[in-house]
Amino acid sequence: MASGINSSSNPGAQDPYATLGVEPDASFDEVQKAREKRLGEAGEDPLAKAKIEDSYDALLMVSLKERQLGKVSNAAVSASKREDRNIDLVDRKDNSFLSSLKGLNYSNTESSDQIFRLNLSLPEGQGLTIRIALGLLALILTLASPKESTQVILSLSTLGLFISQVRRGRRPLASLGWSVVLLSIGLILGGLLVNGMPDSSVLKTTISREHFEALPAVVLIWLGSLLLA
């Protein structure tokens, strides 16, 4: 492969022959082997890999120009044709990959329609312990804190349920949906509970109507953080 690059015209340019460690008259196979060797030596350095690839592309362009001018041997022409076939195979693989991505996106769109699918399973290990501890803490705070704090506790519990589902692999939109549903059901049950209780029974305890109303929602949210996956 004859030299067709004049690095003196651009003092800041990187000499592709020096980068790959080959002579200007190196064959195409030698250039390819040098590229693979340099990439192996570069390791995980993206800048070094980019310089190697740029140098390799520059030498390919030189080979292409020489082939167009009829200055290359039959071996170089055959090697260049092999490179063209390799590029064509890469393009086909890329197109296949893009098709797979399109199919994947389509399947994801379909599964998003099942946003409220019900998958129940208990977490394992430390995750279960943390959820049990936080649930008990929420129940205690709901019963012991001032009635003005019940809304804050419900908000934090709902946020905790959302985070719990996302961490266990559920999509954010589905996690938000389940969090709102369980909170709404709990508040409805709490309202029915309070309305069904005589006022005298509430007054005889230290727990206000607001505490009773929030209690079912906290319990449901706790169960959701334990079971929803």
Protein backbone atom coordinates (compact mmCIF):
# COMPACT_ATOMS: atom_id res chain seq x y z
CA MET A 1 0.00 0.00 0.00
CA ALA A 2 1.83 3.09 -1.21
CA SER A 3 1.83 6.30 0.72
CA GLY A 4 -0.73 8.88 -0.39
CA ILE A 5 -0.79 11.03 2.72
CA ASN A 6 1.36 14.11 3.04
CA SER A 7 1.44 14.88 6.77
CA SER A 8 3.73 17.87 6.19
CA SER A 9 0.84 19.83 4.68
CA ASN A 10 -0.82 19.76 8.07
CA PRO A 11 1.71 19.83 10.93
CA GLY A 12 -0.98 19.03 13.49
CA ALA A 13 -2.23 15.98 11.63
CA GLN A 14 -1.61 12.54 13.05
CA ASP A 15 0.45 10.29 10.77
CA PRO A 16 -1.76 7.21 10.25
CA TYR A 17 1.25 5.02 9.42
CA ALA A 18 2.94 5.99 12.69
CA THR A 19 -0.29 5.53 14.63
CA LEU A 20 -0.75 1.98 13.33
CA GLY A 21 2.96 1.24 13.30
CA VAL A 22 3.18 0.19 9.63
CA GLU A 23 5.32 1.20 6.67
CA PRO A 24 3.84 3.18 3.73
CA ASP A 25 4.24 0.11 1.49
CA ALA A 26 2.49 -2.23 3.93
CA SER A 27 -0.13 -4.55 2.49
CA PHE A 28 -3.79 -4.37 3.35
CA ASP A 29 -3.55 -7.48 5.54
CA GLU A 30 -0.66 -5.94 7.46
CA VAL A 31 -2.63 -2.75 8.03
CA GLN A 32 -5.60 -4.76 9.27
CA LYS A 33 -3.47 -6.79 11.67
CA ALA A 34 -1.81 -3.61 12.93
CA ARG A 35 -5.23 -2.07 13.57
CA GLU A 36 -6.39 -5.07 15.59
CA LYS A 37 -3.13 -5.08 17.55
CA ARG A 38 -3.37 -1.37 18.34
CA LEU A 39 -7.00 -1.68 19.41
CA GLY A 40 -6.02 -4.46 21.77
CA GLU A 41 -3.25 -2.32 23.22
CA ALA A 42 -5.60 0.67 23.62
CA GLY A 43 -7.79 -1.24 26.06
CA GLU A 44 -10.77 0.85 27.19
CA ASP A 45 -9.29 4.23 26.16
CA PRO A 46 -11.92 5.74 23.80
CA LEU A 47 -9.61 8.53 22.58
CA ALA A 48 -6.86 6.11 21.60
CA LYS A 49 -9.35 3.84 19.87
CA ALA A 50 -10.77 6.78 17.93
CA LYS A 51 -7.29 7.77 16.70
CA ILE A 52 -6.61 4.20 15.61
CA GLU A 53 -9.90 3.97 13.71
CA ASP A 54 -9.29 7.36 12.07
CA SER A 55 -5.84 6.25 10.93
CA TYR A 56 -7.23 2.99 9.60
CA ASP A 57 -9.96 4.83 7.68
CA ALA A 58 -7.35 7.24 6.26
CA LEU A 59 -5.26 4.36 4.92
CA LEU A 60 -8.37 2.76 3.44
CA MET A 61 -9.11 5.99 1.60
CA VAL A 62 -5.52 6.01 0.25
CA SER A 63 -5.98 2.43 -0.93
CA LEU A 64 -9.28 3.35 -2.59
CA LYS A 65 -7.75 6.31 -4.43
CA GLU A 66 -4.83 4.21 -5.64
CA ARG A 67 -7.19 1.53 -6.85
CA GLN A 68 -9.14 4.12 -8.81
CA LEU A 69 -5.88 5.31 -10.38
CA GLY A 70 -4.84 1.75 -11.22
CA LYS A 71 -1.77 1.90 -8.98
CA VAL A 72 -2.49 -1.10 -6.80
CA SER A 73 -1.75 -4.75 -7.18
CA ASN A 74 -4.30 -7.50 -7.64
CA ALA A 75 -3.76 -8.56 -4.01
CA ALA A 76 -4.64 -5.07 -2.80
CA VAL A 77 -7.72 -5.01 -5.03
CA SER A 78 -8.86 -8.36 -3.60
CA ALA A 79 -8.23 -7.14 -0.08
CA SER A 80 -10.20 -3.96 -0.73
CA LYS A 81 -13.07 -6.02 -2.10
CA ARG A 82 -13.03 -8.12 1.06
CA GLU A 83 -13.23 -4.93 3.10
CA ASP A 84 -16.19 -3.75 1.01
CA ARG A 85 -17.95 -7.05 1.69
CA ASN A 86 -17.23 -6.71 5.40
CA ILE A 87 -18.70 -3.20 5.42
CA ASP A 88 -21.76 -4.51 3.57
CA LEU A 89 -22.20 -7.25 6.16
CA VAL A 90 -21.93 -4.70 8.96
CA ASP A 91 -24.58 -2.54 7.29
CA ARG A 92 -26.88 -5.54 7.03
CA LYS A 93 -26.35 -6.36 10.69
CA ASP A 94 -27.08 -2.75 11.62
CA ASN A 95 -30.31 -2.84 9.62
CA SER A 96 -31.25 -6.11 11.31
CA PHE A 97 -30.50 -4.56 14.67
CA LEU A 98 -32.67 -1.54 13.87
CA SER A 99 -35.49 -3.86 12.83
CA SER A 100 -35.17 -5.68 16.13
CA LEU A 101 -35.34 -2.38 17.97
CA LYS A 102 -38.50 -1.45 16.11
CA GLY A 103 -40.07 -4.75 17.04
CA LEU A 104 -38.96 -4.28 20.63
CA ASN A 105 -40.50 -0.82 20.80
CA TYR A 106 -43.72 -2.21 19.37
CA SER A 107 -43.88 -4.94 21.99
CA ASN A 108 -43.17 -2.39 24.71
CA THR A 109 -46.04 -0.27 23.44
CA GLU A 110 -48.33 -3.27 23.57
CA SER A 111 -47.29 -4.19 27.11
CA SER A 112 -47.88 -0.61 28.26
CA ASP A 113 -51.58 -1.23 27.60
CA GLN A 114 -51.45 -3.73 30.45
CA ILE A 115 -50.43 -1.02 32.87
CA PHE A 116 -52.50 -2.46 35.72
CA ARG A 117 -51.34 -6.07 35.44
CA LEU A 118 -51.23 -7.62 38.91
CA ASN A 119 -47.94 -9.32 39.79
CA LEU A 120 -47.70 -10.28 43.46
CA SER A 121 -44.51 -11.46 45.13
CA LEU A 122 -42.70 -10.77 48.36
CA PRO A 123 -39.26 -9.17 48.17
CA GLU A 124 -36.34 -11.09 49.57
CA GLY A 125 -33.70 -10.40 52.16
CA GLN A 126 -33.04 -6.84 53.23
CA GLY A 127 -35.72 -5.43 50.94
CA LEU A 128 -38.44 -7.27 52.85
CA THR A 129 -37.05 -6.18 56.21
CA ILE A 130 -36.90 -2.53 55.17
CA ARG A 131 -40.46 -2.55 53.82
CA ILE A 132 -41.83 -4.17 56.99
CA ALA A 133 -40.00 -1.68 59.19
CA LEU A 134 -41.15 1.33 57.18
CA GLY A 135 -44.73 0.05 57.11
CA LEU A 136 -44.81 -0.37 60.87
CA LEU A 137 -43.32 3.10 61.29
CA ALA A 138 -46.00 4.59 59.03
CA LEU A 139 -48.75 2.88 61.05
CA ILE A 140 -47.33 4.11 64.34
CA LEU A 141 -46.96 7.66 63.04
CA THR A 142 -50.50 7.60 61.65
CA LEU A 143 -51.92 6.67 65.05
CA ALA A 144 -49.59 8.74 67.25
CA SER A 145 -48.97 11.92 65.28
CA PRO A 146 -51.25 14.99 65.33
CA LYS A 147 -54.21 14.77 63.01
CA GLU A 148 -52.78 17.60 60.90
CA SER A 149 -49.86 15.31 59.98
CA THR A 150 -51.94 12.51 58.46
CA GLN A 151 -51.88 14.03 54.99
CA VAL A 152 -48.09 14.27 55.08
CA ILE A 153 -47.81 10.64 56.18
CA LEU A 154 -50.13 9.54 53.39
CA SER A 155 -48.12 11.51 50.83
CA LEU A 156 -44.82 10.03 51.99
CA SER A 157 -46.30 6.52 52.10
CA THR A 158 -47.61 6.86 48.53
CA LEU A 159 -44.21 8.11 47.36
CA GLY A 160 -42.56 5.17 49.11
CA LEU A 161 -44.90 2.74 47.33
CA PHE A 162 -44.07 4.33 43.98
CA ILE A 163 -40.32 4.03 44.58
CA SER A 164 -40.72 0.46 45.82
CA GLN A 165 -42.46 -0.64 42.60
CA VAL A 166 -39.94 1.09 40.35
CA ARG A 167 -37.04 -0.56 42.19
CA ARG A 168 -38.69 -3.94 41.71
CA GLY A 169 -38.91 -3.46 37.94
CA ARG A 170 -42.37 -2.00 37.32
CA ARG A 171 -42.59 0.93 34.92
CA PRO A 172 -42.96 4.40 36.41
CA LEU A 173 -46.39 5.02 34.84
CA ALA A 174 -47.73 1.71 36.12
CA SER A 175 -46.16 2.33 39.53
CA LEU A 176 -47.83 5.74 39.73
CA GLY A 177 -51.16 4.21 38.69
CA TRP A 178 -51.08 1.54 41.37
CA SER A 179 -49.98 4.05 44.02
CA VAL A 180 -52.90 6.35 43.25
CA VAL A 181 -55.38 3.45 43.07
CA LEU A 182 -54.37 2.01 46.45
CA LEU A 183 -54.39 5.46 48.05
CA SER A 184 -57.86 6.20 46.65
CA ILE A 185 -59.30 2.85 47.73
CA GLY A 186 -57.82 3.30 51.20
CA LEU A 187 -59.31 6.78 51.59
CA ILE A 188 -62.70 5.53 50.42
CA LEU A 189 -62.59 2.68 52.94
CA GLY A 190 -61.45 5.11 55.62
CA GLY A 191 -64.36 7.42 54.85
CA LEU A 192 -66.82 4.53 55.05
CA LEU A 193 -65.25 3.41 58.32
CA VAL A 194 -65.55 6.84 59.90
CA ASN A 195 -69.09 7.42 58.65
CA GLY A 196 -70.16 4.06 60.05
CA MET A 197 -68.83 4.79 63.51
CA PRO A 198 -70.87 6.61 66.14
CA ASP A 199 -69.42 9.95 67.13
CA SER A 200 -69.32 8.86 70.76
CA SER A 201 -67.00 5.93 70.02
CA VAL A 202 -64.53 8.27 68.33
CA LEU A 203 -64.64 10.80 71.16
CA LYS A 204 -63.84 8.14 73.78
CA THR A 205 -60.45 7.41 72.17
CA THR A 206 -57.37 9.51 71.64
CA ILE A 207 -57.52 8.73 67.92
CA SER A 208 -59.33 11.32 65.85
CA ARG A 209 -61.57 10.78 62.85
CA GLU A 210 -58.68 11.83 60.59
CA HIS A 211 -56.54 9.04 62.03
CA PHE A 212 -59.25 6.44 61.43
CA GLU A 213 -59.80 7.72 57.90
CA ALA A 214 -56.10 7.52 56.99
CA LEU A 215 -55.48 4.12 58.58
CA PRO A 216 -56.89 1.88 55.77
CA ALA A 217 -54.94 3.82 53.15
CA VAL A 218 -51.68 3.37 55.05
CA VAL A 219 -52.36 -0.35 55.44
CA LEU A 220 -53.15 -0.81 51.74
CA ILE A 221 -50.07 1.16 50.68
CA TRP A 222 -47.96 -0.96 53.02
CA LEU A 223 -49.37 -4.16 51.56
CA GLY A 224 -48.73 -2.79 48.07
CA SER A 225 -45.06 -2.14 48.88
CA LEU A 226 -44.76 -5.72 50.15
CA LEU A 227 -46.59 -7.54 47.37
CA LEU A 228 -46.62 -5.51 44.16
CA ALA A 229 -43.77 -6.35 41.81
